[in-house]
């Protein structure tokens, strides 16, 4: 009989690949996360429409999580993710000005801040995107599917607070994204890297390290029994 022994890491990876993206699992993780505001209803945008959303009471440090996808090329020169009525000069962008194909954020009349990392491209497939703002240093960190991806420091910005909208600058505007925002979650604090990763993993279906290890051990034990 041919004996096949696979490294534990490969077994764990194989076990984790059986999982798939789950909004249900993400929602469950957010339930106990201490969020400020959230939306659990998907919103689809055609480049001109907007959807109302209350970002909650946000002041100072903040973290915003999105599950988002779209078409930056079809969306035109730029596309909004969200903007609040109380501080409309500040916006998070799905497609940063001007035809960059990258995520970013803008303080009107001050700066268009574009994330330049390769993985910071405006996502065309559903992706967990997190903006983390640290007021004291003017730093915006970007996480893609839970992984630190890019950072811009020394920016002038205020995270959206209170009632506002997603997907465009205004009704029938010309700067709207084309795509879908499946989830929005806001926090009035700068979440730790591990918290952001855990939320993303809940959605992508990637098990926590302890779960992956246990799965690998179980698979290895099964192989040994079959030899």
Protein backbone atom coordinates (compact mmCIF):
# COMPACT_ATOMS: atom_id res chain seq x y z
CA UNK A 1 0.00 0.00 0.00
CA UNK A 2 1.32 3.47 -0.90
CA UNK A 3 1.57 5.70 2.12
CA UNK A 4 0.93 9.40 1.62
CA UNK A 5 1.85 11.86 4.33
CA UNK A 6 0.88 15.51 3.86
CA UNK A 7 2.32 18.38 5.90
CA UNK A 8 -0.02 19.67 8.59
CA UNK A 9 -0.09 23.15 7.03
CA UNK A 10 -1.36 21.76 3.74
CA UNK A 11 -4.05 19.79 5.51
CA UNK A 12 -5.18 22.86 7.40
CA UNK A 13 -5.28 24.87 4.20
CA UNK A 14 -7.35 22.20 2.51
CA UNK A 15 -9.77 22.18 5.41
CA UNK A 16 -10.18 25.96 5.33
CA UNK A 17 -10.77 25.97 1.56
CA UNK A 18 -13.99 24.03 2.13
CA UNK A 19 -15.53 27.16 3.63
CA UNK A 20 -17.19 29.90 1.59
CA UNK A 21 -18.09 33.55 2.05
CA UNK A 22 -21.06 33.88 4.36
CA UNK A 23 -22.95 37.08 5.17
CA UNK A 24 -24.78 35.12 7.88
CA UNK A 25 -21.50 34.31 9.64
CA UNK A 26 -20.31 37.89 9.25
CA UNK A 27 -23.54 39.26 10.72
CA UNK A 28 -23.20 36.88 13.66
CA UNK A 29 -19.66 38.09 14.33
CA UNK A 30 -20.76 41.73 14.20
CA UNK A 31 -23.66 41.11 16.59
CA UNK A 32 -21.28 41.09 19.57
CA UNK A 33 -18.64 43.47 18.21
CA UNK A 34 -19.81 46.70 19.84
CA UNK A 35 -20.61 48.36 16.53
CA UNK A 36 -22.01 51.89 16.31
CA UNK A 37 -24.21 51.43 13.24
CA UNK A 38 -24.77 48.80 10.58
CA UNK A 39 -26.75 47.83 7.51
CA UNK A 40 -27.60 44.20 6.79
CA UNK A 41 -29.45 44.93 3.55
CA UNK A 42 -27.56 44.90 0.24
CA UNK A 43 -27.75 48.12 -1.79
CA UNK A 44 -27.19 48.09 -5.55
CA UNK A 45 -26.10 51.22 -7.41
CA UNK A 46 -26.41 52.12 -11.08
CA UNK A 47 -24.23 55.23 -11.04
CA UNK A 48 -26.99 57.71 -10.26
CA UNK A 49 -29.02 56.43 -7.30
CA UNK A 50 -28.27 56.74 -3.60
CA UNK A 51 -29.36 54.82 -0.50
CA UNK A 52 -29.90 56.48 2.87
CA UNK A 53 -27.70 55.32 5.75
CA UNK A 54 -27.10 56.67 9.26
CA UNK A 55 -23.42 56.25 10.13
CA UNK A 56 -24.13 56.77 13.83
CA UNK A 57 -22.37 59.09 16.26
CA UNK A 58 -18.79 59.12 14.99
CA UNK A 59 -16.19 61.46 16.50
CA UNK A 60 -12.43 61.10 16.39
CA UNK A 61 -11.05 57.60 15.82
CA UNK A 62 -13.32 55.36 13.75
CA UNK A 63 -13.46 52.14 11.76
CA UNK A 64 -15.78 51.48 8.83
CA UNK A 65 -16.20 48.01 7.33
CA UNK A 66 -17.82 47.29 3.97
CA UNK A 67 -18.49 44.23 1.86
CA UNK A 68 -18.42 45.75 -1.57
CA UNK A 69 -17.99 45.07 -5.29
CA UNK A 70 -18.44 47.08 -8.46
CA UNK A 71 -17.23 48.21 -11.85
CA UNK A 72 -14.85 51.18 -11.59
CA UNK A 73 -14.36 51.46 -15.34
CA UNK A 74 -18.09 51.77 -16.04
CA UNK A 75 -18.59 54.12 -13.10
CA UNK A 76 -16.84 57.07 -14.69
CA UNK A 77 -14.21 59.33 -13.19
CA UNK A 78 -14.98 58.52 -9.57
CA UNK A 79 -17.50 56.86 -7.32
CA UNK A 80 -18.63 57.42 -3.76
CA UNK A 81 -18.97 54.74 -1.12
CA UNK A 82 -20.49 57.07 1.43
CA UNK A 83 -20.90 60.61 2.68
CA UNK A 84 -22.73 62.18 5.63
CA UNK A 85 -24.97 65.24 5.55
CA UNK A 86 -23.24 66.81 8.58
CA UNK A 87 -19.74 66.84 7.07
CA UNK A 88 -20.34 66.54 3.30
CA UNK A 89 -16.83 67.61 2.30
CA UNK A 90 -15.57 64.25 3.58
CA UNK A 91 -16.25 61.12 1.59
CA UNK A 92 -15.04 57.56 1.27
CA UNK A 93 -14.46 56.56 -2.34
CA UNK A 94 -14.90 53.30 -4.21
CA UNK A 95 -13.25 54.88 -7.26
CA UNK A 96 -10.96 57.73 -6.31
CA UNK A 97 -10.73 60.82 -8.48
CA UNK A 98 -9.69 60.78 -11.32
CA UNK A 99 -9.94 57.36 -13.01
CA UNK A 100 -7.38 55.82 -10.68
CA UNK A 101 -9.14 52.48 -10.32
CA UNK A 102 -8.14 52.64 -6.63
CA UNK A 103 -9.93 53.00 -3.31
CA UNK A 104 -9.48 56.27 -1.45
CA UNK A 105 -10.98 59.11 0.55
CA UNK A 106 -11.47 62.82 -0.09
CA UNK A 107 -11.64 66.04 1.88
CA UNK A 108 -13.22 68.45 -0.61
CA UNK A 109 -11.01 71.41 -1.40
CA UNK A 110 -8.11 69.86 0.51
CA UNK A 111 -6.99 66.52 -0.94
CA UNK A 112 -7.99 63.44 -2.87
CA UNK A 113 -6.21 60.65 -1.02
CA UNK A 114 -5.59 57.59 -3.17
CA UNK A 115 -4.39 54.24 -1.88
CA UNK A 116 -1.66 53.13 -4.26
CA UNK A 117 -1.05 49.51 -3.23
CA UNK A 118 -1.81 46.91 -5.88
CA UNK A 119 -4.36 45.21 -3.60
CA UNK A 120 -6.09 48.56 -3.01
CA UNK A 121 -7.70 48.52 -6.46
CA UNK A 122 -11.46 49.15 -6.49
CA UNK A 123 -12.77 45.58 -6.02
CA UNK A 124 -14.81 44.04 -8.82
CA UNK A 125 -15.75 40.98 -6.74
CA UNK A 126 -17.25 40.99 -3.25
CA UNK A 127 -14.50 42.08 -0.87
CA UNK A 128 -14.29 42.96 2.81
CA UNK A 129 -12.90 46.52 2.82
CA UNK A 130 -12.04 48.33 6.06
CA UNK A 131 -11.12 51.99 6.55
CA UNK A 132 -9.56 52.73 9.97
CA UNK A 133 -9.08 56.37 10.92
CA UNK A 134 -6.76 57.58 13.70
CA UNK A 135 -7.57 61.21 14.39
CA UNK A 136 -4.41 62.11 16.33
CA UNK A 137 -2.05 61.34 13.45
CA UNK A 138 -4.45 61.90 10.56
CA UNK A 139 -3.86 58.31 9.47
CA UNK A 140 -6.19 56.20 7.36
CA UNK A 141 -5.34 52.50 7.25
CA UNK A 142 -6.86 50.26 4.59
CA UNK A 143 -7.49 46.56 5.13
CA UNK A 144 -8.54 44.19 2.35
CA UNK A 145 -10.18 40.95 3.50
CA UNK A 146 -8.70 41.57 6.94
CA UNK A 147 -5.11 42.13 5.81
CA UNK A 148 -3.30 45.49 6.26
CA UNK A 149 -2.93 46.76 2.70
CA UNK A 150 -2.07 50.46 2.63
CA UNK A 151 -1.87 53.53 4.86
CA UNK A 152 -1.95 57.30 4.38
CA UNK A 153 -0.73 59.54 7.23
CA UNK A 154 -1.04 63.27 7.84
CA UNK A 155 -4.42 63.58 6.13
CA UNK A 156 -7.13 66.12 6.93
CA UNK A 157 -10.40 64.24 7.19
CA UNK A 158 -13.51 63.58 9.27
CA UNK A 159 -15.19 60.20 9.07
CA UNK A 160 -18.88 60.48 8.10
CA UNK A 161 -21.18 60.92 11.09
CA UNK A 162 -24.96 60.80 11.49
CA UNK A 163 -27.49 60.59 8.65
CA UNK A 164 -26.06 60.39 5.14
CA UNK A 165 -26.07 58.15 2.14
CA UNK A 166 -24.21 55.50 0.21
CA UNK A 167 -23.28 55.25 -3.45
CA UNK A 168 -23.39 58.82 -4.75
CA UNK A 169 -22.89 62.47 -3.89
CA UNK A 170 -26.60 63.27 -4.37
CA UNK A 171 -29.78 62.06 -6.03
CA UNK A 172 -29.21 61.68 -9.79
CA UNK A 173 -25.60 62.76 -9.29
CA UNK A 174 -22.77 62.10 -11.71
CA UNK A 175 -20.24 60.65 -9.27
CA UNK A 176 -21.95 57.46 -8.23
CA UNK A 177 -20.45 54.01 -8.07
CA UNK A 178 -21.77 51.11 -10.12
CA UNK A 179 -21.92 48.02 -7.96
CA UNK A 180 -23.20 46.62 -4.69
CA UNK A 181 -22.56 47.38 -1.03
CA UNK A 182 -23.72 44.24 0.74
CA UNK A 183 -22.80 45.29 4.27
CA UNK A 184 -21.81 48.44 6.16
CA UNK A 185 -20.61 48.47 9.77
CA UNK A 186 -19.27 51.50 11.63
CA UNK A 187 -17.36 51.73 14.91
CA UNK A 188 -16.61 54.88 16.91
CA UNK A 189 -13.13 53.58 17.68
CA UNK A 190 -10.02 52.39 15.88
CA UNK A 191 -10.34 48.60 15.94
CA UNK A 192 -7.23 46.49 16.49
CA UNK A 193 -5.81 44.60 13.51
CA UNK A 194 -6.90 41.31 15.06
CA UNK A 195 -10.51 42.46 15.39
CA UNK A 196 -10.66 43.55 11.77
CA UNK A 197 -9.12 40.25 10.69
CA UNK A 198 -11.61 38.26 12.75
CA UNK A 199 -14.57 40.07 11.16
CA UNK A 200 -13.19 39.50 7.67
CA UNK A 201 -12.48 35.85 8.40
CA UNK A 202 -16.05 35.36 9.60
CA UNK A 203 -17.22 36.44 6.17
CA UNK A 204 -14.61 34.71 4.00
CA UNK A 205 -14.94 31.50 5.98
CA UNK A 206 -11.28 31.33 6.94
CA UNK A 207 -11.13 29.62 10.35
CA UNK A 208 -9.25 31.14 13.24
CA UNK A 209 -5.72 29.65 13.64
CA UNK A 210 -6.81 27.33 16.47
CA UNK A 211 -9.68 25.98 14.36
CA UNK A 212 -7.39 25.42 11.38
CA UNK A 213 -4.90 23.59 13.59
CA UNK A 214 -7.55 21.30 15.05
CA UNK A 215 -8.89 20.53 11.57
CA UNK A 216 -5.40 19.68 10.37
CA UNK A 217 -4.72 17.40 13.33
CA UNK A 218 -8.00 15.59 12.77
CA UNK A 219 -7.22 15.11 9.08
CA UNK A 220 -3.71 13.88 9.88
CA UNK A 221 -5.06 11.39 12.41
CA UNK A 222 -7.51 10.09 9.80
CA UNK A 223 -4.71 9.57 7.29
CA UNK A 224 -2.67 7.63 9.83
CA UNK A 225 -5.63 5.38 10.57
CA UNK A 226 -5.97 4.58 6.86
CA UNK A 227 -2.31 3.67 6.27
